[in-house]
Amino acid sequence: MIAMLMEANAGAATSQAAGLGWGSMILWIVVMIGIMYFLMIRPQKNEQKRVNAMLNDMAVGDSVVTTGGFYGVILDITDDDVIVEFGNNKNCRIPMRKSAIAQVEKADAAYGPDTAPQETPKTGLFGFGKKKDAGDTKDK
């Protein structure tokens, strides 16, 4: 009788240990899937949203860089394609897919004659005083 009770208790303990094993394995699988989501899938979705927004905001006259490394200017845009002019040669116009564009620089962001970058005043250490240029030889 005592032997039967001991066998029953041993069997129950074994089944509890096996259940704990499966539960911890499932927990580890869920944790690994969560880590993969936050390290791989989520950043990729954010990057895809950024690229789609960039391609949707393209306009005629914007400067682009293609995935092949060519610089050009957009002349015309359709749903899936763009016509890009490369170089100074006005006859080099190539239709290409929007997905072949890696970067877009807006036309109004380019420097023109009236939008030249302003020179910032030079300061000394920690922003105090005026730092002298190498060309400044006069003392004031």
C-alpha atoms as a PDB file:
ATOM      1  CA  MET A   1       0.000   0.000   0.000  1.00  0.00           C
ATOM      2  CA  ILE A   2       2.756   2.396   0.948  1.00  0.00           C
ATOM      3  CA  ALA A   3       4.607   1.497  -2.243  1.00  0.00           C
ATOM      4  CA  MET A   4       1.545   2.408  -4.322  1.00  0.00           C
ATOM      5  CA  LEU A   5       1.236   5.794  -2.628  1.00  0.00           C
ATOM      6  CA  MET A   6       4.913   6.487  -3.203  1.00  0.00           C
ATOM      7  CA  GLU A   7       4.565   5.589  -6.887  1.00  0.00           C
ATOM      8  CA  ALA A   8       1.520   7.845  -7.222  1.00  0.00           C
ATOM      9  CA  ASN A   9       3.375  10.757  -5.580  1.00  0.00           C
ATOM     10  CA  ALA A  10       6.433  10.176  -7.800  1.00  0.00           C
ATOM     11  CA  GLY A  11       4.222  10.136 -10.911  1.00  0.00           C
ATOM     12  CA  ALA A  12       2.494  13.358  -9.873  1.00  0.00           C
ATOM     13  CA  ALA A  13       5.836  15.050  -9.213  1.00  0.00           C
ATOM     14  CA  THR A  14       7.132  13.925 -12.609  1.00  0.00           C
ATOM     15  CA  SER A  15       4.059  15.265 -14.403  1.00  0.00           C
ATOM     16  CA  GLN A  16       4.356  18.592 -12.550  1.00  0.00           C
ATOM     17  CA  ALA A  17       8.027  18.858 -13.536  1.00  0.00           C
ATOM     18  CA  ALA A  18       7.161  18.042 -17.141  1.00  0.00           C
ATOM     19  CA  GLY A  19       4.414  20.668 -17.124  1.00  0.00           C
ATOM     20  CA  LEU A  20       6.822  23.210 -15.690  1.00  0.00           C
ATOM     21  CA  GLY A  21       9.304  22.322 -18.455  1.00  0.00           C
ATOM     22  CA  TRP A  22       6.782  22.908 -21.226  1.00  0.00           C
ATOM     23  CA  GLY A  23       5.555  26.121 -19.625  1.00  0.00           C
ATOM     24  CA  SER A  24       9.057  27.550 -19.321  1.00  0.00           C
ATOM     25  CA  MET A  25       9.858  26.541 -22.899  1.00  0.00           C
ATOM     26  CA  ILE A  26       6.758  28.314 -24.185  1.00  0.00           C
ATOM     27  CA  LEU A  27       7.638  31.348 -22.075  1.00  0.00           C
ATOM     28  CA  TRP A  28      11.145  31.471 -23.606  1.00  0.00           C
ATOM     29  CA  ILE A  29       9.724  31.182 -27.124  1.00  0.00           C
ATOM     30  CA  VAL A  30       7.345  34.097 -26.468  1.00  0.00           C
ATOM     31  CA  VAL A  31      10.215  36.158 -25.023  1.00  0.00           C
ATOM     32  CA  MET A  32      12.422  35.432 -28.072  1.00  0.00           C
ATOM     33  CA  ILE A  33       9.632  36.395 -30.472  1.00  0.00           C
ATOM     34  CA  GLY A  34       9.161  39.637 -28.548  1.00  0.00           C
ATOM     35  CA  ILE A  35      12.871  40.427 -28.732  1.00  0.00           C
ATOM     36  CA  MET A  36      12.928  39.699 -32.467  1.00  0.00           C
ATOM     37  CA  TYR A  37       9.934  41.990 -32.977  1.00  0.00           C
ATOM     38  CA  PHE A  38      11.518  44.939 -31.164  1.00  0.00           C
ATOM     39  CA  LEU A  39      14.997  44.472 -32.650  1.00  0.00           C
ATOM     40  CA  MET A  40      14.172  43.490 -36.236  1.00  0.00           C
ATOM     41  CA  ILE A  41      10.591  43.868 -37.391  1.00  0.00           C
ATOM     42  CA  ARG A  42       9.582  47.168 -35.753  1.00  0.00           C
ATOM     43  CA  PRO A  43      12.610  49.202 -36.985  1.00  0.00           C
ATOM     44  CA  GLN A  44      12.135  47.790 -40.467  1.00  0.00           C
ATOM     45  CA  LYS A  45       8.485  48.902 -40.505  1.00  0.00           C
ATOM     46  CA  ASN A  46       9.470  52.395 -39.329  1.00  0.00           C
ATOM     47  CA  GLU A  47      12.113  52.633 -42.072  1.00  0.00           C
ATOM     48  CA  GLN A  48       9.591  51.500 -44.688  1.00  0.00           C
ATOM     49  CA  LYS A  49       7.131  54.187 -43.519  1.00  0.00           C
ATOM     50  CA  ARG A  50       9.897  56.817 -43.803  1.00  0.00           C
ATOM     51  CA  VAL A  51      10.816  55.701 -47.341  1.00  0.00           C
ATOM     52  CA  ASN A  52       7.166  55.662 -48.449  1.00  0.00           C
ATOM     53  CA  ALA A  53       6.638  59.181 -47.048  1.00  0.00           C
ATOM     54  CA  MET A  54       9.781  60.395 -48.853  1.00  0.00           C
ATOM     55  CA  LEU A  55       8.639  58.907 -52.174  1.00  0.00           C
ATOM     56  CA  ASN A  56       5.118  60.317 -51.793  1.00  0.00           C
ATOM     57  CA  ASP A  57       6.473  63.816 -51.055  1.00  0.00           C
ATOM     58  CA  MET A  58       8.592  63.980 -54.227  1.00  0.00           C
ATOM     59  CA  ALA A  59       7.860  66.871 -56.569  1.00  0.00           C
ATOM     60  CA  VAL A  60       9.054  68.026 -59.967  1.00  0.00           C
ATOM     61  CA  GLY A  61      12.398  69.798 -59.636  1.00  0.00           C
ATOM     62  CA  ASP A  62      13.631  67.841 -56.605  1.00  0.00           C
ATOM     63  CA  SER A  63      17.172  66.487 -56.680  1.00  0.00           C
ATOM     64  CA  VAL A  64      17.424  62.724 -56.227  1.00  0.00           C
ATOM     65  CA  VAL A  65      20.044  60.047 -55.743  1.00  0.00           C
ATOM     66  CA  THR A  66      19.235  56.666 -57.238  1.00  0.00           C
ATOM     67  CA  THR A  67      20.077  53.314 -55.698  1.00  0.00           C
ATOM     68  CA  GLY A  68      22.814  53.038 -58.332  1.00  0.00           C
ATOM     69  CA  GLY A  69      24.423  56.254 -57.056  1.00  0.00           C
ATOM     70  CA  PHE A  70      23.405  58.581 -59.896  1.00  0.00           C
ATOM     71  CA  TYR A  71      22.407  62.181 -59.132  1.00  0.00           C
ATOM     72  CA  GLY A  72      19.556  63.712 -61.088  1.00  0.00           C
ATOM     73  CA  VAL A  73      16.568  66.054 -61.139  1.00  0.00           C
ATOM     74  CA  ILE A  74      12.939  64.935 -61.409  1.00  0.00           C
ATOM     75  CA  LEU A  75      11.178  66.158 -64.559  1.00  0.00           C
ATOM     76  CA  ASP A  76       7.885  64.255 -64.397  1.00  0.00           C
ATOM     77  CA  ILE A  77       6.095  61.968 -61.937  1.00  0.00           C
ATOM     78  CA  THR A  78       3.447  59.309 -62.554  1.00  0.00           C
ATOM     79  CA  ASP A  79       1.954  56.770 -60.150  1.00  0.00           C
ATOM     80  CA  ASP A  80       4.857  54.283 -60.170  1.00  0.00           C
ATOM     81  CA  ASP A  81       7.490  55.956 -62.354  1.00  0.00           C
ATOM     82  CA  VAL A  82       9.503  59.162 -62.537  1.00  0.00           C
ATOM     83  CA  ILE A  83      11.488  60.740 -65.355  1.00  0.00           C
ATOM     84  CA  VAL A  84      14.901  61.844 -64.137  1.00  0.00           C
ATOM     85  CA  GLU A  85      17.372  64.093 -65.941  1.00  0.00           C
ATOM     86  CA  PHE A  86      21.000  63.237 -65.248  1.00  0.00           C
ATOM     87  CA  GLY A  87      23.906  65.701 -65.516  1.00  0.00           C
ATOM     88  CA  ASN A  88      23.949  68.924 -67.492  1.00  0.00           C
ATOM     89  CA  ASN A  89      23.058  67.186 -70.737  1.00  0.00           C
ATOM     90  CA  LYS A  90      19.399  67.995 -71.415  1.00  0.00           C
ATOM     91  CA  ASN A  91      19.053  64.875 -73.597  1.00  0.00           C
ATOM     92  CA  CYS A  92      19.804  62.402 -70.806  1.00  0.00           C
ATOM     93  CA  ARG A  93      16.310  61.768 -69.465  1.00  0.00           C
ATOM     94  CA  ILE A  94      15.577  58.318 -68.124  1.00  0.00           C
ATOM     95  CA  PRO A  95      12.259  56.924 -66.871  1.00  0.00           C
ATOM     96  CA  MET A  96      12.676  54.826 -63.727  1.00  0.00           C
ATOM     97  CA  ARG A  97      10.645  53.283 -60.935  1.00  0.00           C
ATOM     98  CA  LYS A  98      10.050  55.284 -57.777  1.00  0.00           C
ATOM     99  CA  SER A  99      11.495  52.416 -55.775  1.00  0.00           C
ATOM    100  CA  ALA A 100      14.893  53.012 -57.451  1.00  0.00           C
ATOM    101  CA  ILE A 101      15.257  56.363 -55.654  1.00  0.00           C
ATOM    102  CA  ALA A 102      17.332  56.268 -52.475  1.00  0.00           C
ATOM    103  CA  GLN A 103      17.305  59.945 -51.384  1.00  0.00           C
ATOM    104  CA  VAL A 104      15.341  63.075 -52.215  1.00  0.00           C
ATOM    105  CA  GLU A 105      16.478  66.646 -51.622  1.00  0.00           C
ATOM    106  CA  LYS A 106      13.739  69.223 -51.981  1.00  0.00           C
ATOM    107  CA  ALA A 107      14.242  71.898 -54.629  1.00  0.00           C
ATOM    108  CA  ASP A 108      13.644  74.733 -52.136  1.00  0.00           C
ATOM    109  CA  ALA A 109      16.301  73.287 -49.801  1.00  0.00           C
ATOM    110  CA  ALA A 110      19.033  73.750 -52.413  1.00  0.00           C
ATOM    111  CA  TYR A 111      21.089  76.915 -52.140  1.00  0.00           C
ATOM    112  CA  GLY A 112      20.290  79.558 -54.710  1.00  0.00           C
ATOM    113  CA  PRO A 113      21.706  83.041 -55.185  1.00  0.00           C
ATOM    114  CA  ASP A 114      19.279  84.566 -52.698  1.00  0.00           C
ATOM    115  CA  THR A 115      19.435  81.696 -50.190  1.00  0.00           C
ATOM    116  CA  ALA A 116      23.203  81.479 -49.685  1.00  0.00           C
ATOM    117  CA  PRO A 117      24.191  80.173 -46.269  1.00  0.00           C
ATOM    118  CA  GLN A 118      24.739  82.895 -43.729  1.00  0.00           C
ATOM    119  CA  GLU A 119      28.118  83.102 -42.048  1.00  0.00           C
ATOM    120  CA  THR A 120      27.858  82.605 -38.321  1.00  0.00           C
ATOM    121  CA  PRO A 121      29.962  84.750 -36.006  1.00  0.00           C
ATOM    122  CA  LYS A 122      32.874  82.913 -34.468  1.00  0.00           C
ATOM    123  CA  THR A 123      33.046  82.692 -30.736  1.00  0.00           C
ATOM    124  CA  GLY A 124      35.785  81.749 -28.341  1.00  0.00           C
ATOM    125  CA  LEU A 125      35.892  79.006 -25.791  1.00  0.00           C
ATOM    126  CA  PHE A 126      32.434  78.117 -24.379  1.00  0.00           C
ATOM    127  CA  GLY A 127      30.819  80.835 -26.540  1.00  0.00           C
ATOM    128  CA  PHE A 128      32.438  83.767 -24.721  1.00  0.00           C
ATOM    129  CA  GLY A 129      34.133  86.559 -26.642  1.00  0.00           C
ATOM    130  CA  LYS A 130      35.083  86.675 -30.298  1.00  0.00           C
ATOM    131  CA  LYS A 131      37.532  84.207 -31.739  1.00  0.00           C
ATOM    132  CA  LYS A 132      40.087  85.764 -34.088  1.00  0.00           C
ATOM    133  CA  ASP A 133      40.463  84.360 -37.584  1.00  0.00           C
ATOM    134  CA  ALA A 134      43.831  83.535 -39.040  1.00  0.00           C
ATOM    135  CA  GLY A 135      43.166  86.344 -41.552  1.00  0.00           C
ATOM    136  CA  ASP A 136      42.546  88.929 -38.791  1.00  0.00           C
ATOM    137  CA  THR A 137      45.885  90.606 -38.195  1.00  0.00           C
ATOM    138  CA  LYS A 138      44.591  93.950 -36.979  1.00  0.00           C
ATOM    139  CA  ASP A 139      43.964  94.561 -33.299  1.00  0.00           C
ATOM    140  CA  LYS A 140      40.809  96.468 -32.540  1.00  0.00           C
END
